[in-house]
């Protein structure tokens, strides 16, 4: 239970940092909606947090300046081996 709480806290911190970074690049946060077609969701230079993207869940969805859609997953691992691989 404690490990799960730590992962959730880490994920939330990571999500906040990703959103802050996107804002620093000029992106704006848009309301969260289910995205079931490529034209739904945030508009160019916008992002939304934790939403349904097709049949999957995405932590942050970004609409790039050229209208491509990018999903970002924020994930934290307590495994020492996985942490070494990430660095």
PDB file of N, CA and C in Angstrom:
ATOM      1  N   UNK A   1       0.828  -1.194   0.000  1.00  0.00           N
ATOM      2  CA  UNK A   1       0.000   0.000   0.000  1.00  0.00           C
ATOM      3  C   UNK A   1       0.872   1.258   0.000  1.00  0.00           C
ATOM      4  N   UNK A   2       1.925   1.273   0.806  1.00  0.00           N
ATOM      5  CA  UNK A   2       2.805   2.438   0.876  1.00  0.00           C
ATOM      6  C   UNK A   2       3.518   2.645  -0.456  1.00  0.00           C
ATOM      7  N   UNK A   3       3.977   1.551  -1.071  1.00  0.00           N
ATOM      8  CA  UNK A   3       4.649   1.664  -2.370  1.00  0.00           C
ATOM      9  C   UNK A   3       3.711   2.249  -3.417  1.00  0.00           C
ATOM     10  N   UNK A   4       2.454   1.833  -3.396  1.00  0.00           N
ATOM     11  CA  UNK A   4       1.468   2.368  -4.341  1.00  0.00           C
ATOM     12  C   UNK A   4       1.261   3.855  -4.110  1.00  0.00           C
ATOM     13  N   UNK A   5       1.150   4.261  -2.847  1.00  0.00           N
ATOM     14  CA  UNK A   5       0.985   5.687  -2.533  1.00  0.00           C
ATOM     15  C   UNK A   5       2.184   6.488  -3.018  1.00  0.00           C
ATOM     16  N   UNK A   6       3.384   5.950  -2.839  1.00  0.00           N
ATOM     17  CA  UNK A   6       4.592   6.651  -3.291  1.00  0.00           C
ATOM     18  C   UNK A   6       4.610   6.782  -4.811  1.00  0.00           C
ATOM     19  N   UNK A   7       4.215   5.713  -5.509  1.00  0.00           N
ATOM     20  CA  UNK A   7       4.170   5.779  -6.978  1.00  0.00           C
ATOM     21  C   UNK A   7       3.166   6.828  -7.427  1.00  0.00           C
ATOM     22  N   UNK A   8       1.997   6.868  -6.772  1.00  0.00           N
ATOM     23  CA  UNK A   8       0.977   7.858  -7.141  1.00  0.00           C
ATOM     24  C   UNK A   8       1.470   9.280  -6.892  1.00  0.00           C
ATOM     25  N   UNK A   9       2.146   9.494  -5.759  1.00  0.00           N
ATOM     26  CA  UNK A   9       2.698  10.818  -5.468  1.00  0.00           C
ATOM     27  C   UNK A   9       3.739  11.192  -6.515  1.00  0.00           C
ATOM     28  N   UNK A  10       4.595  10.243  -6.859  1.00  0.00           N
ATOM     29  CA  UNK A  10       5.626  10.487  -7.864  1.00  0.00           C
ATOM     30  C   UNK A  10       5.029  10.789  -9.220  1.00  0.00           C
ATOM     31  N   UNK A  11       3.989  10.048  -9.589  1.00  0.00           N
ATOM     32  CA  UNK A  11       3.304  10.260 -10.865  1.00  0.00           C
ATOM     33  C   UNK A  11       2.675  11.643 -10.896  1.00  0.00           C
ATOM     34  N   UNK A  12       2.020  12.042  -9.802  1.00  0.00           N
ATOM     35  CA  UNK A  12       1.390  13.365  -9.729  1.00  0.00           C
ATOM     36  C   UNK A  12       2.436  14.471  -9.852  1.00  0.00           C
ATOM     37  N   UNK A  13       3.569  14.298  -9.175  1.00  0.00           N
ATOM     38  CA  UNK A  13       4.654  15.279  -9.255  1.00  0.00           C
ATOM     39  C   UNK A  13       5.181  15.368 -10.680  1.00  0.00           C
ATOM     40  N   UNK A  14       5.361  14.207 -11.302  1.00  0.00           N
ATOM     41  CA  UNK A  14       5.861  14.174 -12.674  1.00  0.00           C
ATOM     42  C   UNK A  14       4.868  14.842 -13.629  1.00  0.00           C
ATOM     43  N   UNK A  15       3.582  14.565 -13.464  1.00  0.00           N
ATOM     44  CA  UNK A  15       2.547  15.192 -14.297  1.00  0.00           C
ATOM     45  C   UNK A  15       2.579  16.706 -14.150  1.00  0.00           C
ATOM     46  N   UNK A  16       2.700  17.184 -12.924  1.00  0.00           N
ATOM     47  CA  UNK A  16       2.761  18.628 -12.680  1.00  0.00           C
ATOM     48  C   UNK A  16       3.960  19.243 -13.386  1.00  0.00           C
ATOM     49  N   UNK A  17       5.109  18.579 -13.320  1.00  0.00           N
ATOM     50  CA  UNK A  17       6.315  19.096 -13.977  1.00  0.00           C
ATOM     51  C   UNK A  17       6.145  19.115 -15.493  1.00  0.00           C
ATOM     52  N   UNK A  18       5.535  18.082 -16.053  1.00  0.00           N
ATOM     53  CA  UNK A  18       5.292  18.039 -17.501  1.00  0.00           C
ATOM     54  C   UNK A  18       4.376  19.192 -17.900  1.00  0.00           C
ATOM     55  N   UNK A  19       3.288  19.388 -17.159  1.00  0.00           N
ATOM     56  CA  UNK A  19       2.344  20.469 -17.483  1.00  0.00           C
ATOM     57  C   UNK A  19       3.000  21.843 -17.327  1.00  0.00           C
ATOM     58  N   UNK A  20       3.800  22.025 -16.286  1.00  0.00           N
ATOM     59  CA  UNK A  20       4.512  23.298 -16.104  1.00  0.00           C
ATOM     60  C   UNK A  20       5.471  23.553 -17.269  1.00  0.00           C
ATOM     61  N   UNK A  21       6.157  22.504 -17.716  1.00  0.00           N
ATOM     62  CA  UNK A  21       7.088  22.645 -18.842  1.00  0.00           C
ATOM     63  C   UNK A  21       6.335  23.016 -20.120  1.00  0.00           C
ATOM     64  N   UNK A  22       5.205  22.354 -20.359  1.00  0.00           N
ATOM     65  CA  UNK A  22       4.407  22.679 -21.543  1.00  0.00           C
ATOM     66  C   UNK A  22       3.950  24.138 -21.499  1.00  0.00           C
ATOM     67  N   UNK A  23       3.519  24.600 -20.334  1.00  0.00           N
ATOM     68  CA  UNK A  23       3.116  26.011 -20.191  1.00  0.00           C
ATOM     69  C   UNK A  23       4.285  26.942 -20.506  1.00  0.00           C
ATOM     70  N   UNK A  24       5.492  26.561 -20.056  1.00  0.00           N
ATOM     71  CA  UNK A  24       6.673  27.399 -20.302  1.00  0.00           C
ATOM     72  C   UNK A  24       6.999  27.485 -21.793  1.00  0.00           C
ATOM     73  N   UNK A  25       6.533  26.505 -22.567  1.00  0.00           N
ATOM     74  CA  UNK A  25       6.737  26.505 -24.021  1.00  0.00           C
ATOM     75  C   UNK A  25       5.615  27.225 -24.764  1.00  0.00           C
ATOM     76  N   UNK A  26       4.624  27.720 -24.022  1.00  0.00           N
ATOM     77  CA  UNK A  26       3.535  28.462 -24.646  1.00  0.00           C
ATOM     78  C   UNK A  26       2.253  27.675 -24.851  1.00  0.00           C
ATOM     79  N   UNK A  27       2.206  26.439 -24.359  1.00  0.00           N
ATOM     80  CA  UNK A  27       0.979  25.641 -24.463  1.00  0.00           C
ATOM     81  C   UNK A  27      -0.008  26.080 -23.387  1.00  0.00           C
ATOM     82  N   UNK A  28      -1.297  25.922 -23.660  1.00  0.00           N
ATOM     83  CA  UNK A  28      -2.348  26.234 -22.695  1.00  0.00           C
ATOM     84  C   UNK A  28      -3.093  24.958 -22.333  1.00  0.00           C
ATOM     85  N   UNK A  29      -3.537  24.867 -21.079  1.00  0.00           N
ATOM     86  CA  UNK A  29      -4.302  23.695 -20.647  1.00  0.00           C
ATOM     87  C   UNK A  29      -5.755  23.837 -21.092  1.00  0.00           C
ATOM     88  N   UNK A  30      -6.282  22.768 -21.657  1.00  0.00           N
ATOM     89  CA  UNK A  30      -7.666  22.729 -22.135  1.00  0.00           C
ATOM     90  C   UNK A  30      -8.462  21.781 -21.246  1.00  0.00           C
ATOM     91  N   UNK A  31      -9.784  21.901 -21.247  1.00  0.00           N
ATOM     92  CA  UNK A  31     -10.606  20.967 -20.468  1.00  0.00           C
ATOM     93  C   UNK A  31     -10.403  19.524 -20.937  1.00  0.00           C
ATOM     94  N   UNK A  32     -10.501  18.603 -20.014  1.00  0.00           N
ATOM     95  CA  UNK A  32     -10.351  17.187 -20.322  1.00  0.00           C
ATOM     96  C   UNK A  32     -11.622  16.647 -20.961  1.00  0.00           C
ATOM     97  N   UNK A  33     -11.462  15.962 -22.084  1.00  0.00           N
ATOM     98  CA  UNK A  33     -12.584  15.316 -22.770  1.00  0.00           C
ATOM     99  C   UNK A  33     -12.125  13.953 -23.267  1.00  0.00           C
ATOM    100  N   UNK A  34     -13.069  13.055 -23.493  1.00  0.00           N
ATOM    101  CA  UNK A  34     -12.733  11.767 -24.103  1.00  0.00           C
ATOM    102  C   UNK A  34     -12.398  12.023 -25.568  1.00  0.00           C
ATOM    103  N   UNK A  35     -11.269  11.493 -26.020  1.00  0.00           N
ATOM    104  CA  UNK A  35     -10.828  11.705 -27.398  1.00  0.00           C
ATOM    105  C   UNK A  35     -11.026  10.399 -28.158  1.00  0.00           C
ATOM    106  N   UNK A  36     -12.087  10.336 -28.950  1.00  0.00           N
ATOM    107  CA  UNK A  36     -12.365   9.109 -29.702  1.00  0.00           C
ATOM    108  C   UNK A  36     -12.174   9.283 -31.205  1.00  0.00           C
ATOM    109  N   UNK A  37     -11.860  10.494 -31.646  1.00  0.00           N
ATOM    110  CA  UNK A  37     -11.443  10.730 -33.035  1.00  0.00           C
ATOM    111  C   UNK A  37     -10.264  11.691 -33.004  1.00  0.00           C
ATOM    112  N   UNK A  38      -9.473  11.695 -34.051  1.00  0.00           N
ATOM    113  CA  UNK A  38      -8.246  12.488 -34.084  1.00  0.00           C
ATOM    114  C   UNK A  38      -8.506  13.995 -33.994  1.00  0.00           C
ATOM    115  N   UNK A  39      -9.707  14.442 -34.338  1.00  0.00           N
ATOM    116  CA  UNK A  39      -9.992  15.882 -34.306  1.00  0.00           C
ATOM    117  C   UNK A  39     -10.513  16.361 -32.950  1.00  0.00           C
ATOM    118  N   UNK A  40     -10.854  15.427 -32.064  1.00  0.00           N
ATOM    119  CA  UNK A  40     -11.326  15.820 -30.724  1.00  0.00           C
ATOM    120  C   UNK A  40     -10.138  16.124 -29.828  1.00  0.00           C
ATOM    121  N   UNK A  41     -10.444  16.732 -28.708  1.00  0.00           N
ATOM    122  CA  UNK A  41      -9.406  17.003 -27.723  1.00  0.00           C
ATOM    123  C   UNK A  41      -8.847  18.400 -27.852  1.00  0.00           C
ATOM    124  N   UNK A  42      -7.647  18.592 -27.301  1.00  0.00           N
ATOM    125  CA  UNK A  42      -7.059  19.928 -27.314  1.00  0.00           C
ATOM    126  C   UNK A  42      -6.772  20.393 -28.738  1.00  0.00           C
ATOM    127  N   UNK A  43      -6.785  21.707 -28.927  1.00  0.00           N
ATOM    128  CA  UNK A  43      -6.449  22.304 -30.219  1.00  0.00           C
ATOM    129  C   UNK A  43      -4.943  22.554 -30.269  1.00  0.00           C
ATOM    130  N   UNK A  44      -4.451  23.047 -31.397  1.00  0.00           N
ATOM    131  CA  UNK A  44      -3.014  23.305 -31.561  1.00  0.00           C
ATOM    132  C   UNK A  44      -2.494  24.160 -30.409  1.00  0.00           C
ATOM    133  N   UNK A  45      -1.346  23.761 -29.870  1.00  0.00           N
ATOM    134  CA  UNK A  45      -0.680  24.450 -28.762  1.00  0.00           C
ATOM    135  C   UNK A  45      -1.477  24.383 -27.461  1.00  0.00           C
ATOM    136  N   UNK A  46      -2.274  23.323 -27.306  1.00  0.00           N
ATOM    137  CA  UNK A  46      -3.001  23.071 -26.062  1.00  0.00           C
ATOM    138  C   UNK A  46      -2.699  21.654 -25.583  1.00  0.00           C
ATOM    139  N   UNK A  47      -2.966  21.404 -24.299  1.00  0.00           N
ATOM    140  CA  UNK A  47      -2.837  20.065 -23.733  1.00  0.00           C
ATOM    141  C   UNK A  47      -3.960  19.853 -22.742  1.00  0.00           C
ATOM    142  N   UNK A  48      -4.258  18.596 -22.451  1.00  0.00           N
ATOM    143  CA  UNK A  48      -5.225  18.280 -21.400  1.00  0.00           C
ATOM    144  C   UNK A  48      -4.662  17.145 -20.557  1.00  0.00           C
ATOM    145  N   UNK A  49      -5.125  17.088 -19.332  1.00  0.00           N
ATOM    146  CA  UNK A  49      -4.615  16.100 -18.388  1.00  0.00           C
ATOM    147  C   UNK A  49      -5.528  14.892 -18.320  1.00  0.00           C
ATOM    148  N   UNK A  50      -4.930  13.759 -18.030  1.00  0.00           N
ATOM    149  CA  UNK A  50      -5.574  12.466 -17.818  1.00  0.00           C
ATOM    150  C   UNK A  50      -6.944  12.318 -18.475  1.00  0.00           C
ATOM    151  N   UNK A  51      -6.922  11.768 -19.675  1.00  0.00           N
ATOM    152  CA  UNK A  51      -8.170  11.579 -20.408  1.00  0.00           C
ATOM    153  C   UNK A  51      -8.146  10.254 -21.164  1.00  0.00           C
ATOM    154  N   UNK A  52      -9.297   9.882 -21.655  1.00  0.00           N
ATOM    155  CA  UNK A  52      -9.435   8.689 -22.474  1.00  0.00           C
ATOM    156  C   UNK A  52      -8.992   9.047 -23.891  1.00  0.00           C
ATOM    157  N   UNK A  53      -8.025   8.312 -24.420  1.00  0.00           N
ATOM    158  CA  UNK A  53      -7.525   8.521 -25.779  1.00  0.00           C
ATOM    159  C   UNK A  53      -7.752   7.223 -26.541  1.00  0.00           C
ATOM    160  N   UNK A  54      -8.812   7.197 -27.328  1.00  0.00           N
ATOM    161  CA  UNK A  54      -9.206   5.945 -27.975  1.00  0.00           C
ATOM    162  C   UNK A  54      -9.661   4.970 -26.906  1.00  0.00           C
ATOM    163  N   UNK A  55      -9.044   3.798 -26.890  1.00  0.00           N
ATOM    164  CA  UNK A  55      -9.399   2.780 -25.896  1.00  0.00           C
ATOM    165  C   UNK A  55      -8.470   2.797 -24.687  1.00  0.00           C
ATOM    166  N   UNK A  56      -7.527   3.713 -24.672  1.00  0.00           N
ATOM    167  CA  UNK A  56      -6.540   3.785 -23.590  1.00  0.00           C
ATOM    168  C   UNK A  56      -6.662   5.088 -22.819  1.00  0.00           C
ATOM    169  N   UNK A  57      -6.022   5.110 -21.671  1.00  0.00           N
ATOM    170  CA  UNK A  57      -5.979   6.312 -20.855  1.00  0.00           C
ATOM    171  C   UNK A  57      -4.609   6.964 -21.038  1.00  0.00           C
ATOM    172  N   UNK A  58      -4.578   8.275 -21.165  1.00  0.00           N
ATOM    173  CA  UNK A  58      -3.318   9.007 -21.290  1.00  0.00           C
ATOM    174  C   UNK A  58      -3.213  10.002 -20.140  1.00  0.00           C
ATOM    175  N   UNK A  59      -2.001  10.172 -19.611  1.00  0.00           N
ATOM    176  CA  UNK A  59      -1.803  11.102 -18.499  1.00  0.00           C
ATOM    177  C   UNK A  59      -1.859  12.552 -18.972  1.00  0.00           C
ATOM    178  N   UNK A  60      -1.196  12.843 -20.071  1.00  0.00           N
ATOM    179  CA  UNK A  60      -1.223  14.184 -20.664  1.00  0.00           C
ATOM    180  C   UNK A  60      -1.310  14.010 -22.173  1.00  0.00           C
ATOM    181  N   UNK A  61      -2.238  14.726 -22.808  1.00  0.00           N
ATOM    182  CA  UNK A  61      -2.371  14.694 -24.267  1.00  0.00           C
ATOM    183  C   UNK A  61      -2.079  16.094 -24.786  1.00  0.00           C
ATOM    184  N   UNK A  62      -1.159  16.171 -25.748  1.00  0.00           N
ATOM    185  CA  UNK A  62      -0.705  17.451 -26.283  1.00  0.00           C
ATOM    186  C   UNK A  62      -1.042  17.526 -27.769  1.00  0.00           C
ATOM    187  N   UNK A  63      -1.596  18.662 -28.185  1.00  0.00           N
ATOM    188  CA  UNK A  63      -1.797  18.920 -29.621  1.00  0.00           C
ATOM    189  C   UNK A  63      -0.658  19.851 -30.030  1.00  0.00           C
ATOM    190  N   UNK A  64       0.235  19.335 -30.863  1.00  0.00           N
ATOM    191  CA  UNK A  64       1.397  20.110 -31.290  1.00  0.00           C
ATOM    192  C   UNK A  64       0.995  21.233 -32.241  1.00  0.00           C
ATOM    193  N   UNK A  65       1.927  22.135 -32.516  1.00  0.00           N
ATOM    194  CA  UNK A  65       1.640  23.291 -33.376  1.00  0.00           C
ATOM    195  C   UNK A  65       1.195  22.885 -34.779  1.00  0.00           C
ATOM    196  N   UNK A  66       1.642  21.711 -35.243  1.00  0.00           N
ATOM    197  CA  UNK A  66       1.274  21.241 -36.587  1.00  0.00           C
ATOM    198  C   UNK A  66       0.061  20.299 -36.552  1.00  0.00           C
ATOM    199  N   UNK A  67      -0.654  20.273 -35.450  1.00  0.00           N
ATOM    200  CA  UNK A  67      -1.901  19.531 -35.180  1.00  0.00           C
ATOM    201  C   UNK A  67      -1.714  18.037 -34.916  1.00  0.00           C
ATOM    202  N   UNK A  68      -0.470  17.547 -34.891  1.00  0.00           N
ATOM    203  CA  UNK A  68      -0.275  16.150 -34.479  1.00  0.00           C
ATOM    204  C   UNK A  68      -0.642  16.021 -33.007  1.00  0.00           C
ATOM    205  N   UNK A  69      -1.106  14.837 -32.624  1.00  0.00           N
ATOM    206  CA  UNK A  69      -1.512  14.560 -31.245  1.00  0.00           C
ATOM    207  C   UNK A  69      -0.437  13.701 -30.588  1.00  0.00           C
ATOM    208  N   UNK A  70      -0.003  14.088 -29.401  1.00  0.00           N
ATOM    209  CA  UNK A  70       1.035  13.348 -28.696  1.00  0.00           C
ATOM    210  C   UNK A  70       0.540  12.994 -27.300  1.00  0.00           C
ATOM    211  N   UNK A  71       0.595  11.718 -26.967  1.00  0.00           N
ATOM    212  CA  UNK A  71       0.218  11.252 -25.630  1.00  0.00           C
ATOM    213  C   UNK A  71       1.486  11.078 -24.801  1.00  0.00           C
ATOM    214  N   UNK A  72       1.424  11.521 -23.548  1.00  0.00           N
ATOM    215  CA  UNK A  72       2.554  11.394 -22.627  1.00  0.00           C
ATOM    216  C   UNK A  72       2.090  10.597 -21.422  1.00  0.00           C
ATOM    217  N   UNK A  73       2.864   9.574 -21.069  1.00  0.00           N
ATOM    218  CA  UNK A  73       2.560   8.800 -19.870  1.00  0.00           C
ATOM    219  C   UNK A  73       3.565   9.156 -18.792  1.00  0.00           C
ATOM    220  N   UNK A  74       3.075   9.482 -17.619  1.00  0.00           N
ATOM    221  CA  UNK A  74       3.921   9.787 -16.471  1.00  0.00           C
ATOM    222  C   UNK A  74       3.924   8.552 -15.579  1.00  0.00           C
ATOM    223  N   UNK A  75       5.089   7.956 -15.436  1.00  0.00           N
ATOM    224  CA  UNK A  75       5.170   6.692 -14.714  1.00  0.00           C
ATOM    225  C   UNK A  75       6.379   6.712 -13.794  1.00  0.00           C
ATOM    226  N   UNK A  76       6.191   6.205 -12.596  1.00  0.00           N
ATOM    227  CA  UNK A  76       7.260   6.137 -11.616  1.00  0.00           C
ATOM    228  C   UNK A  76       7.413   4.687 -11.192  1.00  0.00           C
ATOM    229  N   UNK A  77       8.651   4.237 -11.099  1.00  0.00           N
ATOM    230  CA  UNK A  77       8.913   2.863 -10.684  1.00  0.00           C
ATOM    231  C   UNK A  77       9.728   2.876  -9.399  1.00  0.00           C
ATOM    232  N   UNK A  78       9.399   1.970  -8.501  1.00  0.00           N
ATOM    233  CA  UNK A  78      10.182   1.825  -7.272  1.00  0.00           C
ATOM    234  C   UNK A  78      11.319   0.835  -7.449  1.00  0.00           C
ATOM    235  N   UNK A  79      11.401   0.214  -8.600  1.00  0.00           N
ATOM    236  CA  UNK A  79      12.436  -0.773  -8.853  1.00  0.00           C
ATOM    237  C   UNK A  79      13.779  -0.077  -9.062  1.00  0.00           C
ATOM    238  N   UNK A  80      14.778  -0.442  -8.281  1.00  0.00           N
ATOM    239  CA  UNK A  80      16.106   0.153  -8.420  1.00  0.00           C
ATOM    240  C   UNK A  80      16.676  -0.133  -9.804  1.00  0.00           C
ATOM    241  N   UNK A  81      16.420  -1.323 -10.332  1.00  0.00           N
ATOM    242  CA  UNK A  81      16.915  -1.687 -11.653  1.00  0.00           C
ATOM    243  C   UNK A  81      16.301  -0.787 -12.722  1.00  0.00           C
ATOM    244  N   UNK A  82      15.001  -0.559 -12.655  1.00  0.00           N
ATOM    245  CA  UNK A  82      14.333   0.294 -13.640  1.00  0.00           C
ATOM    246  C   UNK A  82      14.808   1.735 -13.513  1.00  0.00           C
ATOM    247  N   UNK A  83      15.079   2.191 -12.299  1.00  0.00           N
ATOM    248  CA  UNK A  83      15.555   3.558 -12.112  1.00  0.00           C
ATOM    249  C   UNK A  83      16.934   3.724 -12.733  1.00  0.00           C
ATOM    250  N   UNK A  84      17.791   2.709 -12.623  1.00  0.00           N
ATOM    251  CA  UNK A  84      19.115   2.774 -13.242  1.00  0.00           C
ATOM    252  C   UNK A  84      18.987   2.812 -14.758  1.00  0.00           C
ATOM    253  N   UNK A  85      18.042   2.056 -15.313  1.00  0.00           N
ATOM    254  CA  UNK A  85      17.858   2.023 -16.758  1.00  0.00           C
ATOM    255  C   UNK A  85      17.385   3.371 -17.277  1.00  0.00           C
ATOM    256  N   UNK A  86      16.615   4.102 -16.482  1.00  0.00           N
ATOM    257  CA  UNK A  86      16.050   5.374 -16.927  1.00  0.00           C
ATOM    258  C   UNK A  86      17.101   6.481 -16.955  1.00  0.00           C
ATOM    259  N   UNK A  87      18.185   6.321 -16.206  1.00  0.00           N
ATOM    260  CA  UNK A  87      19.190   7.389 -16.164  1.00  0.00           C
ATOM    261  C   UNK A  87      20.314   7.158 -17.124  1.00  0.00           C
TER     262      UNK A  87
END
